[in-house]
Structures are given as C-alpha cells and as structure tokens.
C-alpha atoms as a PDB file:
ATOM      1  CA  HIS A   1      17.778 -10.076  16.221  1.00  0.00           C
ATOM      2  CA  SER A   2      20.283 -11.744  14.013  1.00  0.00           C
ATOM      3  CA  ARG A   3      20.817 -12.868  10.478  1.00  0.00           C
ATOM      4  CA  ALA A   4      21.129 -16.340   9.012  1.00  0.00           C
ATOM      5  CA  MET A   5      23.610 -18.539   7.359  1.00  0.00           C
ATOM      6  CA  ALA A   6      24.892 -17.482   3.969  1.00  0.00           C
ATOM      7  CA  GLU A   7      24.181 -20.953   2.594  1.00  0.00           C
ATOM      8  CA  PRO A   8      21.483 -23.483   3.528  1.00  0.00           C
ATOM      9  CA  PRO A   9      22.524 -26.288   5.856  1.00  0.00           C
ATOM     10  CA  PRO A  10      23.142 -29.786   4.476  1.00  0.00           C
ATOM     11  CA  LYS A  11      20.082 -31.896   3.834  1.00  0.00           C
ATOM     12  CA  ARG A  12      18.836 -33.712   6.906  1.00  0.00           C
ATOM     13  CA  PRO A  13      16.063 -36.137   7.720  1.00  0.00           C
ATOM     14  CA  ARG A  14      12.804 -34.442   8.620  1.00  0.00           C
ATOM     15  CA  SER A  15      11.611 -34.782  12.200  1.00  0.00           C
ATOM     16  CA  GLY A  16       9.140 -33.261  14.589  1.00  0.00           C
ATOM     17  CA  ASP A  17      11.881 -32.113  16.945  1.00  0.00           C
ATOM     18  CA  ALA A  18      15.574 -31.409  17.117  1.00  0.00           C
ATOM     19  CA  SER A  19      16.331 -33.854  19.924  1.00  0.00           C
ATOM     20  CA  ALA A  20      18.619 -36.028  17.813  1.00  0.00           C
ATOM     21  CA  ALA A  21      20.882 -33.104  17.009  1.00  0.00           C
ATOM     22  CA  SER A  22      20.801 -31.775  20.561  1.00  0.00           C
ATOM     23  CA  SER A  23      22.214 -35.040  21.916  1.00  0.00           C
ATOM     24  CA  THR A  24      25.615 -33.864  20.663  1.00  0.00           C
ATOM     25  CA  GLY A  25      25.560 -30.988  23.127  1.00  0.00           C
ATOM     26  CA  GLU A  26      25.536 -28.376  20.385  1.00  0.00           C
ATOM     27  CA  ASP A  27      22.066 -27.012  21.093  1.00  0.00           C
ATOM     28  CA  ALA A  28      23.465 -23.472  21.472  1.00  0.00           C
ATOM     29  CA  ASP A  29      23.932 -23.402  17.691  1.00  0.00           C
ATOM     30  CA  ILE A  30      20.492 -24.745  16.749  1.00  0.00           C
ATOM     31  CA  VAL A  31      17.769 -22.498  15.347  1.00  0.00           C
ATOM     32  CA  VAL A  32      14.418 -24.147  14.614  1.00  0.00           C
ATOM     33  CA  TYR A  33      11.661 -22.996  12.263  1.00  0.00           C
ATOM     34  CA  PRO A  34       8.394 -24.583  11.023  1.00  0.00           C
ATOM     35  CA  GLY A  35       8.610 -26.292   7.632  1.00  0.00           C
ATOM     36  CA  ASP A  36      11.364 -27.305   5.235  1.00  0.00           C
ATOM     37  CA  GLU A  37      14.214 -25.629   3.411  1.00  0.00           C
ATOM     38  CA  GLY A  38      12.810 -23.211   0.858  1.00  0.00           C
ATOM     39  CA  SER A  39       9.799 -22.234   2.969  1.00  0.00           C
ATOM     40  CA  LEU A  40       9.241 -18.631   4.016  1.00  0.00           C
ATOM     41  CA  ALA A  41      10.087 -19.536   7.605  1.00  0.00           C
ATOM     42  CA  HIS A  42      13.428 -20.934   6.426  1.00  0.00           C
ATOM     43  CA  ILE A  43      14.065 -17.721   4.464  1.00  0.00           C
ATOM     44  CA  ALA A  44      13.260 -15.691   7.604  1.00  0.00           C
ATOM     45  CA  ALA A  45      15.623 -17.815   9.722  1.00  0.00           C
ATOM     46  CA  THR A  46      18.332 -17.359   7.098  1.00  0.00           C
ATOM     47  CA  LYS A  47      17.923 -13.576   7.248  1.00  0.00           C
ATOM     48  CA  PHE A  48      18.004 -13.567  11.032  1.00  0.00           C
ATOM     49  CA  PHE A  49      21.266 -15.543  11.174  1.00  0.00           C
ATOM     50  CA  LYS A  50      23.126 -14.501   8.048  1.00  0.00           C
ATOM     51  CA  ALA A  51      25.964 -13.121  10.171  1.00  0.00           C
ATOM     52  CA  ALA A  52      26.239 -16.360  12.164  1.00  0.00           C
ATOM     53  CA  PRO A  53      27.716 -19.067   9.911  1.00  0.00           C
ATOM     54  CA  ALA A  54      27.896 -21.462  12.866  1.00  0.00           C
ATOM     55  CA  ALA A  55      24.115 -21.423  13.305  1.00  0.00           C
ATOM     56  CA  ARG A  56      22.429 -24.680  12.306  1.00  0.00           C
ATOM     57  CA  LEU A  57      18.946 -24.141  10.928  1.00  0.00           C
ATOM     58  CA  GLN A  58      16.581 -27.050  11.470  1.00  0.00           C
ATOM     59  CA  GLY A  59      13.029 -27.398  10.244  1.00  0.00           C
ATOM     60  CA  VAL A  60      10.376 -28.951  12.475  1.00  0.00           C
ATOM     61  CA  ASP A  61       6.858 -30.058  11.707  1.00  0.00           C
ATOM     62  CA  SER A  62       4.744 -27.371  13.398  1.00  0.00           C
ATOM     63  CA  PHE A  63       4.646 -24.039  15.226  1.00  0.00           C
ATOM     64  CA  ALA A  64       4.153 -25.947  18.483  1.00  0.00           C
ATOM     65  CA  SER A  65       7.318 -27.976  17.839  1.00  0.00           C
ATOM     66  CA  VAL A  66       9.323 -24.756  17.560  1.00  0.00           C
ATOM     67  CA  PHE A  67       8.152 -23.652  21.008  1.00  0.00           C
ATOM     68  CA  ARG A  68       8.757 -27.102  22.525  1.00  0.00           C
ATOM     69  CA  GLU A  69      12.324 -27.272  21.240  1.00  0.00           C
ATOM     70  CA  VAL A  70      13.157 -23.812  22.567  1.00  0.00           C
ATOM     71  CA  THR A  71      11.585 -24.228  26.005  1.00  0.00           C
ATOM     72  CA  ALA A  72      13.206 -27.663  26.416  1.00  0.00           C
ATOM     73  CA  GLY A  73      16.617 -26.173  25.668  1.00  0.00           C
ATOM     74  CA  ARG A  74      17.140 -28.322  22.582  1.00  0.00           C
ATOM     75  CA  ALA A  75      17.372 -25.161  20.467  1.00  0.00           C
ATOM     76  CA  ALA A  76      18.729 -21.728  21.306  1.00  0.00           C
ATOM     77  CA  TYR A  77      16.245 -19.849  19.131  1.00  0.00           C
ATOM     78  CA  GLY A  78      13.009 -20.358  17.277  1.00  0.00           C
ATOM     79  CA  VAL A  79      11.603 -18.464  14.300  1.00  0.00           C
ATOM     80  CA  VAL A  80       7.809 -18.307  13.839  1.00  0.00           C
ATOM     81  CA  PRO A  81       5.407 -16.082  11.881  1.00  0.00           C
ATOM     82  CA  ILE A  82       3.108 -13.836  13.882  1.00  0.00           C
ATOM     83  CA  GLU A  83       1.295 -11.578  11.396  1.00  0.00           C
ATOM     84  CA  ASN A  84       0.533 -11.287   7.687  1.00  0.00           C
ATOM     85  CA  SER A  85      -0.120  -7.966   5.956  1.00  0.00           C
ATOM     86  CA  ALA A  86      -3.182  -9.381   4.150  1.00  0.00           C
ATOM     87  CA  SER A  87      -4.740 -12.043   6.376  1.00  0.00           C
ATOM     88  CA  GLY A  88      -3.725 -10.498   9.701  1.00  0.00           C
ATOM     89  CA  THR A  89      -2.710 -12.146  12.953  1.00  0.00           C
ATOM     90  CA  LEU A  90      -1.608 -15.761  13.193  1.00  0.00           C
ATOM     91  CA  HIS A  91      -3.591 -16.623  16.298  1.00  0.00           C
ATOM     92  CA  LYS A  92      -1.846 -19.941  16.915  1.00  0.00           C
ATOM     93  CA  THR A  93       1.429 -18.101  17.538  1.00  0.00           C
ATOM     94  CA  TYR A  94      -0.245 -15.811  20.089  1.00  0.00           C
ATOM     95  CA  ASP A  95      -1.695 -18.820  21.909  1.00  0.00           C
ATOM     96  CA  LEU A  96       1.703 -20.539  21.999  1.00  0.00           C
ATOM     97  CA  LEU A  97       3.380 -17.405  23.386  1.00  0.00           C
ATOM     98  CA  VAL A  98       1.131 -17.652  26.455  1.00  0.00           C
ATOM     99  CA  GLU A  99       1.460 -21.419  26.827  1.00  0.00           C
ATOM    100  CA  HIS A 100       5.273 -21.441  26.804  1.00  0.00           C
ATOM    101  CA  GLU A 101       7.911 -19.610  28.836  1.00  0.00           C
ATOM    102  CA  VAL A 102       9.632 -17.773  25.971  1.00  0.00           C
ATOM    103  CA  ARG A 103      10.778 -14.237  25.257  1.00  0.00           C
ATOM    104  CA  ILE A 104      10.509 -12.330  21.966  1.00  0.00           C
ATOM    105  CA  CYS A 105      13.962 -10.982  21.127  1.00  0.00           C
ATOM    106  CA  GLY A 106      13.619  -9.818  17.532  1.00  0.00           C
ATOM    107  CA  GLU A 107      11.376  -9.478  14.504  1.00  0.00           C
ATOM    108  CA  LEU A 108      11.635  -8.930  10.774  1.00  0.00           C
ATOM    109  CA  GLY A 109       9.345  -8.805   7.769  1.00  0.00           C
ATOM    110  CA  VAL A 110       9.721 -11.176   4.820  1.00  0.00           C
ATOM    111  CA  ARG A 111       8.085 -10.207   1.543  1.00  0.00           C
ATOM    112  CA  GLU A 112       6.058 -13.088   0.146  1.00  0.00           C
ATOM    113  CA  VAL A 113       6.973 -13.695  -3.483  1.00  0.00           C
ATOM    114  CA  TYR A 114       5.155 -16.762  -4.753  1.00  0.00           C
ATOM    115  CA  CYS A 115       5.662 -18.534  -8.061  1.00  0.00           C
ATOM    116  CA  LEU A 116       3.674 -21.113  -9.968  1.00  0.00           C
ATOM    117  CA  CYS A 117       6.069 -24.028 -10.343  1.00  0.00           C
ATOM    118  CA  ALA A 118       5.791 -27.259 -12.332  1.00  0.00           C
ATOM    119  CA  ALA A 119       7.985 -30.078 -13.580  1.00  0.00           C
ATOM    120  CA  PRO A 120      10.312 -28.891 -16.362  1.00  0.00           C
ATOM    121  CA  GLY A 121       9.456 -29.802 -19.936  1.00  0.00           C
ATOM    122  CA  GLY A 122       5.712 -29.311 -19.528  1.00  0.00           C
ATOM    123  CA  ALA A 123       3.470 -27.238 -21.737  1.00  0.00           C
ATOM    124  CA  GLY A 124       3.312 -24.261 -19.374  1.00  0.00           C
ATOM    125  CA  LEU A 125       0.075 -22.790 -18.041  1.00  0.00           C
ATOM    126  CA  PRO A 126      -2.298 -24.658 -20.422  1.00  0.00           C
ATOM    127  CA  ALA A 127      -1.104 -28.028 -19.052  1.00  0.00           C
ATOM    128  CA  VAL A 128      -1.879 -27.222 -15.400  1.00  0.00           C
ATOM    129  CA  ARG A 129      -4.899 -29.175 -14.164  1.00  0.00           C
ATOM    130  CA  ARG A 130      -4.270 -28.983 -10.416  1.00  0.00           C
ATOM    131  CA  VAL A 131      -2.674 -26.322  -8.228  1.00  0.00           C
ATOM    132  CA  LEU A 132      -1.257 -27.329  -4.857  1.00  0.00           C
ATOM    133  CA  SER A 133      -0.358 -25.082  -1.927  1.00  0.00           C
ATOM    134  CA  HIS A 134      -1.132 -24.142   1.653  1.00  0.00           C
ATOM    135  CA  PRO A 135      -4.762 -22.912   1.983  1.00  0.00           C
ATOM    136  CA  ASN A 136      -3.680 -19.382   2.942  1.00  0.00           C
ATOM    137  CA  ILE A 137      -1.379 -19.189  -0.077  1.00  0.00           C
ATOM    138  CA  LEU A 138      -4.071 -20.447  -2.444  1.00  0.00           C
ATOM    139  CA  GLU A 139      -6.275 -17.627  -1.175  1.00  0.00           C
ATOM    140  CA  ALA A 140      -3.439 -15.102  -1.452  1.00  0.00           C
ATOM    141  CA  CYS A 141      -2.988 -16.028  -5.146  1.00  0.00           C
ATOM    142  CA  ALA A 142      -6.664 -16.522  -6.036  1.00  0.00           C
ATOM    143  CA  THR A 143      -6.798 -13.654  -8.533  1.00  0.00           C
ATOM    144  CA  PHE A 144      -4.057 -15.215 -10.663  1.00  0.00           C
ATOM    145  CA  LEU A 145      -5.730 -18.635 -10.550  1.00  0.00           C
ATOM    146  CA  GLU A 146      -9.153 -17.292 -11.483  1.00  0.00           C
ATOM    147  CA  THR A 147      -7.992 -15.011 -14.290  1.00  0.00           C
ATOM    148  CA  ARG A 148      -4.641 -15.606 -15.950  1.00  0.00           C
ATOM    149  CA  LEU A 149      -4.373 -19.360 -15.320  1.00  0.00           C
ATOM    150  CA  ALA A 150      -8.021 -20.033 -16.170  1.00  0.00           C
ATOM    151  CA  ALA A 151      -7.710 -18.025 -19.403  1.00  0.00           C
ATOM    152  CA  ALA A 152      -4.524 -19.834 -20.455  1.00  0.00           C
ATOM    153  CA  ALA A 153      -5.882 -23.304 -19.684  1.00  0.00           C
ATOM    154  CA  GLY A 154      -9.411 -22.640 -20.940  1.00  0.00           C
ATOM    155  CA  ARG A 155     -10.820 -23.907 -17.658  1.00  0.00           C
ATOM    156  CA  SER A 156     -10.426 -23.506 -13.918  1.00  0.00           C
ATOM    157  CA  ALA A 157      -7.689 -25.597 -12.340  1.00  0.00           C
ATOM    158  CA  GLU A 158      -8.523 -27.666  -9.263  1.00  0.00           C
ATOM    159  CA  ALA A 159      -7.062 -26.100  -6.111  1.00  0.00           C
ATOM    160  CA  LEU A 160      -5.808 -28.644  -3.580  1.00  0.00           C
ATOM    161  CA  ALA A 161      -4.630 -27.727  -0.082  1.00  0.00           C
ATOM    162  CA  THR A 162      -1.344 -29.029   1.337  1.00  0.00           C
ATOM    163  CA  SER A 163       0.289 -28.655   4.741  1.00  0.00           C
ATOM    164  CA  SER A 164       2.969 -26.297   3.391  1.00  0.00           C
ATOM    165  CA  THR A 165       4.309 -24.744   0.202  1.00  0.00           C
ATOM    166  CA  THR A 166       7.311 -27.071   0.267  1.00  0.00           C
ATOM    167  CA  GLU A 167       5.004 -30.087   0.496  1.00  0.00           C
ATOM    168  CA  ALA A 168       3.165 -28.698  -2.535  1.00  0.00           C
ATOM    169  CA  ALA A 169       6.438 -28.385  -4.442  1.00  0.00           C
ATOM    170  CA  ARG A 170       7.406 -31.954  -3.609  1.00  0.00           C
ATOM    171  CA  ARG A 171       4.084 -33.322  -4.865  1.00  0.00           C
ATOM    172  CA  ALA A 172       4.142 -31.195  -8.004  1.00  0.00           C
ATOM    173  CA  ALA A 173       7.486 -32.761  -8.892  1.00  0.00           C
ATOM    174  CA  GLU A 174       5.880 -36.216  -8.686  1.00  0.00           C
ATOM    175  CA  GLU A 175       2.364 -35.678 -10.093  1.00  0.00           C
ATOM    176  CA  ALA A 176       1.761 -35.054 -13.788  1.00  0.00           C
ATOM    177  CA  GLY A 177      -0.522 -32.118 -14.501  1.00  0.00           C
ATOM    178  CA  SER A 178       0.098 -30.593 -11.073  1.00  0.00           C
ATOM    179  CA  ALA A 179       1.714 -27.272 -10.282  1.00  0.00           C
ATOM    180  CA  ALA A 180       2.630 -25.761  -6.928  1.00  0.00           C
ATOM    181  CA  ILE A 181       2.482 -22.251  -5.555  1.00  0.00           C
ATOM    182  CA  ALA A 182       5.744 -21.945  -3.668  1.00  0.00           C
ATOM    183  CA  THR A 183       8.881 -19.852  -3.340  1.00  0.00           C
ATOM    184  CA  ALA A 184      11.575 -19.881  -6.012  1.00  0.00           C
ATOM    185  CA  GLU A 185      13.851 -21.477  -3.392  1.00  0.00           C
ATOM    186  CA  ALA A 186      11.445 -24.401  -2.953  1.00  0.00           C
ATOM    187  CA  ALA A 187      11.131 -24.768  -6.727  1.00  0.00           C
ATOM    188  CA  GLY A 188      14.901 -25.041  -7.030  1.00  0.00           C
ATOM    189  CA  ARG A 189      15.092 -27.560  -4.214  1.00  0.00           C
ATOM    190  CA  PHE A 190      12.660 -29.939  -5.929  1.00  0.00           C
ATOM    191  CA  GLY A 191      13.873 -29.353  -9.494  1.00  0.00           C
ATOM    192  CA  LEU A 192      10.770 -27.484 -10.652  1.00  0.00           C
ATOM    193  CA  ALA A 193      10.574 -24.842 -13.360  1.00  0.00           C
ATOM    194  CA  VAL A 194       9.001 -21.467 -12.578  1.00  0.00           C
ATOM    195  CA  VAL A 195       5.991 -21.088 -14.883  1.00  0.00           C
ATOM    196  CA  ALA A 196       4.828 -17.690 -13.545  1.00  0.00           C
ATOM    197  CA  GLU A 197       6.496 -15.327 -11.070  1.00  0.00           C
ATOM    198  CA  ASP A 198       5.151 -13.090  -8.302  1.00  0.00           C
ATOM    199  CA  ILE A 199       1.529 -14.193  -8.618  1.00  0.00           C
ATOM    200  CA  GLY A 200       0.139 -12.921  -5.316  1.00  0.00           C
ATOM    201  CA  ASN A 201      -2.991 -10.767  -5.128  1.00  0.00           C
ATOM    202  CA  ASP A 202      -1.062  -8.109  -3.228  1.00  0.00           C
ATOM    203  CA  ALA A 203       2.139  -6.754  -4.732  1.00  0.00           C
ATOM    204  CA  PHE A 204       3.468  -5.929  -1.252  1.00  0.00           C
ATOM    205  CA  LEU A 205       2.411  -8.997   0.716  1.00  0.00           C
ATOM    206  CA  GLU A 206       4.619  -9.495   3.772  1.00  0.00           C
ATOM    207  CA  THR A 207       4.750 -11.762   6.802  1.00  0.00           C
ATOM    208  CA  ARG A 208       6.242 -10.619  10.091  1.00  0.00           C
ATOM    209  CA  TYR A 209       8.408 -13.196  11.890  1.00  0.00           C
ATOM    210  CA  ILE A 210       9.546 -13.156  15.505  1.00  0.00           C
ATOM    211  CA  LEU A 211      12.661 -14.641  17.074  1.00  0.00           C
ATOM    212  CA  ILE A 212      12.084 -16.365  20.414  1.00  0.00           C
ATOM    213  CA  HIS A 213      14.298 -17.855  23.096  1.00  0.00           C
ATOM    214  CA  ARG A 214      13.707 -19.469  26.481  1.00  0.00           C
ATOM    215  CA  GLN A 215      12.817 -17.148  29.373  1.00  0.00           C
ATOM    216  CA  SER A 216      14.634 -19.070  32.092  1.00  0.00           C
ATOM    217  CA  GLY A 217      18.416 -19.269  32.252  1.00  0.00           C
ATOM    218  CA  PRO A 218      20.955 -17.038  30.488  1.00  0.00           C
ATOM    219  CA  SER A 219      20.045 -15.605  27.110  1.00  0.00           C
ATOM    220  CA  PRO A 220      22.015 -17.130  24.226  1.00  0.00           C
ATOM    221  CA  ALA A 221      24.399 -14.772  22.489  1.00  0.00           C
ATOM    222  CA  ARG A 222      23.027 -13.181  19.326  1.00  0.00           C
ATOM    223  CA  PRO A 223      25.306 -12.883  16.315  1.00  0.00           C
ATOM    224  CA  ALA A 224      26.607  -9.430  15.490  1.00  0.00           C
ATOM    225  CA  PRO A 225      26.099  -7.321  13.550  1.00  0.00           C
ATOM    226  CA  PHE A 226      22.351  -7.591  13.864  1.00  0.00           C
ATOM    227  CA  PRO A 227      20.625  -7.315  10.456  1.00  0.00           C
ATOM    228  CA  HIS A 228      19.297  -3.847   9.689  1.00  0.00           C
ATOM    229  CA  ASP A 229      16.137  -5.282   8.120  1.00  0.00           C
ATOM    230  CA  ALA A 230      15.386  -7.039  11.421  1.00  0.00           C
ATOM    231  CA  VAL A 231      15.370  -3.817  13.395  1.00  0.00           C
ATOM    232  CA  SER A 232      11.970  -2.275  14.064  1.00  0.00           C
ATOM    233  CA  PRO A 233      11.501   1.448  13.318  1.00  0.00           C
ATOM    234  CA  GLN A 234      11.359   1.795  17.076  1.00  0.00           C
ATOM    235  CA  ARG A 235      12.144  -0.419  20.024  1.00  0.00           C
ATOM    236  CA  LYS A 236       9.138  -2.544  20.837  1.00  0.00           C
ATOM    237  CA  ARG A 237       7.815  -4.542  23.738  1.00  0.00           C
ATOM    238  CA  SER A 238       4.911  -6.967  23.877  1.00  0.00           C
ATOM    239  CA  ALA A 239       2.735  -7.620  26.909  1.00  0.00           C
ATOM    240  CA  CYS A 240      -0.185  -9.923  27.696  1.00  0.00           C
ATOM    241  CA  PHE A 241      -2.987  -9.153  30.168  1.00  0.00           C
ATOM    242  CA  ALA A 242      -6.092 -10.773  31.573  1.00  0.00           C
ATOM    243  CA  LEU A 243      -8.782  -8.309  32.645  1.00  0.00           C
ATOM    244  CA  SER A 244     -11.814  -8.615  34.839  1.00  0.00           C
ATOM    245  CA  ASN A 245     -15.036  -8.157  32.904  1.00  0.00           C
ATOM    246  CA  GLU A 246     -16.258  -4.840  34.255  1.00  0.00           C
ATOM    247  CA  PRO A 247     -16.998  -1.362  32.831  1.00  0.00           C
ATOM    248  CA  GLY A 248     -13.889   0.675  32.077  1.00  0.00           C
ATOM    249  CA  SER A 249     -11.340  -2.151  32.423  1.00  0.00           C
ATOM    250  CA  ILE A 250     -10.029  -1.767  28.850  1.00  0.00           C
ATOM    251  CA  PHE A 251      -9.922   2.017  29.182  1.00  0.00           C
ATOM    252  CA  ARG A 252      -7.899   1.756  32.393  1.00  0.00           C
ATOM    253  CA  LEU A 253      -5.493  -0.702  30.736  1.00  0.00           C
ATOM    254  CA  LEU A 254      -4.803   1.488  27.704  1.00  0.00           C
ATOM    255  CA  SER A 255      -4.525   4.628  29.820  1.00  0.00           C
ATOM    256  CA  CYS A 256      -1.346   3.138  31.324  1.00  0.00           C
ATOM    257  CA  TRP A 257       0.368   3.877  28.000  1.00  0.00           C
ATOM    258  CA  ALA A 258      -1.550   7.027  27.048  1.00  0.00           C
ATOM    259  CA  LEU A 259      -0.759   8.850  30.302  1.00  0.00           C
ATOM    260  CA  ARG A 260       2.941   8.061  29.891  1.00  0.00           C
ATOM    261  CA  GLY A 261       3.131   9.165  26.273  1.00  0.00           C
ATOM    262  CA  LEU A 262       3.921   5.667  24.993  1.00  0.00           C
ATOM    263  CA  ASP A 263       2.835   4.591  21.518  1.00  0.00           C
ATOM    264  CA  VAL A 264       0.499   1.574  21.416  1.00  0.00           C
ATOM    265  CA  LEU A 265       1.235  -0.148  18.112  1.00  0.00           C
ATOM    266  CA  LYS A 266      -1.228  -3.018  18.210  1.00  0.00           C
ATOM    267  CA  VAL A 267      -3.927  -4.504  20.442  1.00  0.00           C
ATOM    268  CA  GLU A 268      -5.040  -8.093  19.939  1.00  0.00           C
ATOM    269  CA  THR A 269      -7.556 -10.223  21.845  1.00  0.00           C
ATOM    270  CA  ARG A 270      -7.839 -13.999  22.174  1.00  0.00           C
ATOM    271  CA  PRO A 271     -10.508 -15.944  24.066  1.00  0.00           C
ATOM    272  CA  LEU A 272      -9.298 -17.702  27.191  1.00  0.00           C
ATOM    273  CA  SER A 273      -9.540 -21.472  27.064  1.00  0.00           C
ATOM    274  CA  THR A 274     -10.965 -22.941  30.268  1.00  0.00           C
ATOM    275  CA  GLY A 275      -9.103 -26.175  29.542  1.00  0.00           C
ATOM    276  CA  HIS A 276      -5.629 -24.611  29.638  1.00  0.00           C
ATOM    277  CA  ARG A 277      -3.588 -23.328  32.537  1.00  0.00           C
ATOM    278  CA  ALA A 278      -4.467 -19.826  33.625  1.00  0.00           C
ATOM    279  CA  PRO A 279      -2.293 -17.080  32.149  1.00  0.00           C
ATOM    280  CA  PRO A 280       0.025 -15.074  34.409  1.00  0.00           C
ATOM    281  CA  GLY A 281      -1.874 -12.889  36.876  1.00  0.00           C
ATOM    282  CA  LEU A 282      -5.216 -14.695  36.619  1.00  0.00           C
ATOM    283  CA  PRO A 283      -6.116 -17.476  39.106  1.00  0.00           C
ATOM    284  CA  ALA A 284      -7.367 -20.640  37.430  1.00  0.00           C
ATOM    285  CA  SER A 285     -10.602 -20.541  39.406  1.00  0.00           C
ATOM    286  CA  THR A 286     -11.558 -17.225  37.809  1.00  0.00           C
ATOM    287  CA  VAL A 287     -11.254 -18.350  34.163  1.00  0.00           C
ATOM    288  CA  ARG A 288     -14.669 -18.397  32.529  1.00  0.00           C
ATOM    289  CA  LEU A 289     -15.831 -19.171  29.015  1.00  0.00           C
ATOM    290  CA  TRP A 290     -15.641 -16.060  26.807  1.00  0.00           C
ATOM    291  CA  ASP A 291     -13.132 -14.251  28.980  1.00  0.00           C
ATOM    292  CA  TYR A 292     -10.316 -12.745  26.914  1.00  0.00           C
ATOM    293  CA  LEU A 293      -6.591 -12.141  26.944  1.00  0.00           C
ATOM    294  CA  PHE A 294      -5.272  -8.824  25.662  1.00  0.00           C
ATOM    295  CA  TYR A 295      -1.965  -8.610  23.810  1.00  0.00           C
ATOM    296  CA  VAL A 296      -0.393  -5.169  23.457  1.00  0.00           C
ATOM    297  CA  ASP A 297       2.618  -4.159  21.342  1.00  0.00           C
ATOM    298  CA  TYR A 298       4.037  -0.777  22.315  1.00  0.00           C
ATOM    299  CA  GLY A 299       7.026   1.382  21.478  1.00  0.00           C
ATOM    300  CA  VAL A 300       9.839   2.126  23.910  1.00  0.00           C
ATOM    301  CA  PRO A 301      11.502   5.519  23.390  1.00  0.00           C
ATOM    302  CA  PRO A 302      15.262   5.498  22.626  1.00  0.00           C
ATOM    303  CA  ARG A 303      17.630   5.447  25.599  1.00  0.00           C
ATOM    304  CA  GLU A 304      14.829   4.457  27.938  1.00  0.00           C
ATOM    305  CA  THR A 305      14.366   1.154  29.716  1.00  0.00           C
ATOM    306  CA  PRO A 306      11.089  -0.740  29.097  1.00  0.00           C
ATOM    307  CA  GLN A 307      10.097  -0.092  32.738  1.00  0.00           C
ATOM    308  CA  GLY A 308      11.251   3.546  32.737  1.00  0.00           C
ATOM    309  CA  ARG A 309       7.767   5.054  32.906  1.00  0.00           C
END
C-alpha cells in the first residue's frame, strides 16, 4: 500500500490511456485510476500515495484502461474499486483481475460522502429540476431525492444517469436547473456550490479500493511509510479457482483453509465466459457455459508466509 500526493496534479487533457506520458520514460511514477480529479477513485489514489509526492496520478476512461496501462508497463500502479458496503461486489473488477496478469498489493476503504451540488447563485433545492449522477450513486442517494428534495421542490426531480460523478458535476455547471450528486472535491473543481451535504442513504457507505501492479518483472517500490488506513486488520491474500462440477468440490476447496486454521474472509463466484481465454489451471477445452470461477479472500497469520501452511 501507499498514500497519495498531498496536492492534486496539474490539470491534464483527458485520455483513455497514459501512453503519452509514458513516452518520457517516467512510467515508474505514474499511478492510474478510473475517472477524473475529484472522483472517489482519485481520492483513493491520493490516499494511497500521500507519502509519495513524486507520484503522478492520471485518470483514464474505464476500469479496463487501468488494467491495460499497468500490464503494458505504462503505469507502475493502478487503483480500482472492488467492493461497496451497500451494493456489494464490483464484478467487472473481478473479471479484469482474471483477464490480466496483475497482482493485488494493497487495499483501503474510502467513505462515500456525496453532496448535491449546483451552480452558485441559484435558488437552492426548490430550483432543482434535474439531478445528474452515476446510476449507482443515484440509487445510493434515492431516499434524499424522494423525500427532502421532493418536499422542497414540491415535485420529484428528474434523475438522469451519467458515466461518472465528475461528468455529472461538469454538466450541472453548464445546464440551468440541473444539480449533480458528486463529491465536494468535484464540486470545487467545477465551481459548484454545495446545496446539501452527506445525502447518502447509508451514513457509513464505503467503497473498498485495491492497488494493483504488473505480475511480471520487478515490483515497483512502494512509498514509505505506508498509510495506516490502507492496512487491513490482518494480512490478506486473494486466490482464484476453477472447479470441476461434481459433488463435494466446493467442500474440498474450502476445507483447504479450514483444516489449516486459516480465516476465509470472502467467497465470490463469477460465471466463466466461453468466449474468453481459460483461467489458470483450467484447459480451454473444458470450459462450458454456466461453469464458475471461485474467488477467495483469506487471512494470513502474522509472521507467516502465504504458503506456510
């Protein structure tokens, strides 16, 4: 793990990859994340690399772009979300972990604090006719929209989905009668006023982010000291398995941890896609529709190697 820069990097043109920056040969300093400055992913990257002022944080246009930049060596690290305390697993991240040769080297939780933001000088909540945000965020703030905002405006505001919270903030700054659900950082970036603070349904909503780097070649140096809020309560490892579909196969898999006294923290399944390459340990010819991959997070006791038992 590691923390982020104390201040955001200078503004840069948006792109789907970091190849332009990597042409300078400074890819060892590049950390990529999905979205723009002010997004939760940017906040997570900043926390990871706070103790590394030389790190250059760069937003890319998708989760897949993060993995491509890291595996191609155009970025030393990538930061992506993997789980939300309300909506659960982000399945796209799990799929990308299997498709790309990367290693998880850290994680941290970022509390989601969303604000209703609008252009300054408006009439507050009664003037809001449209609310823009990512679909998951609109759902995470639905109680506020259906109660407090509807009561203040005397009607229900139209909810419009955007690709990200920062995209919502940008549009709200340009469209009269529109407000965005975004972070306070995104509101500041686009010159918006915060109309209502901390409007999520869950007072303790959090998203867990992972730090990834390329599996092949030497591991890039992590900044020190590593942030305390990026350290799990216990050392963790993640593993992925493909099982034959026969009675007792799941029991035999989980008994590997139970018989060694290891704590299984999470088990996740994803259907195998017959159109993709076979995952490690499973020949391509054996992949059938509705076969599944199993992802297991487990704890590693202190002072013990991951393979110790």
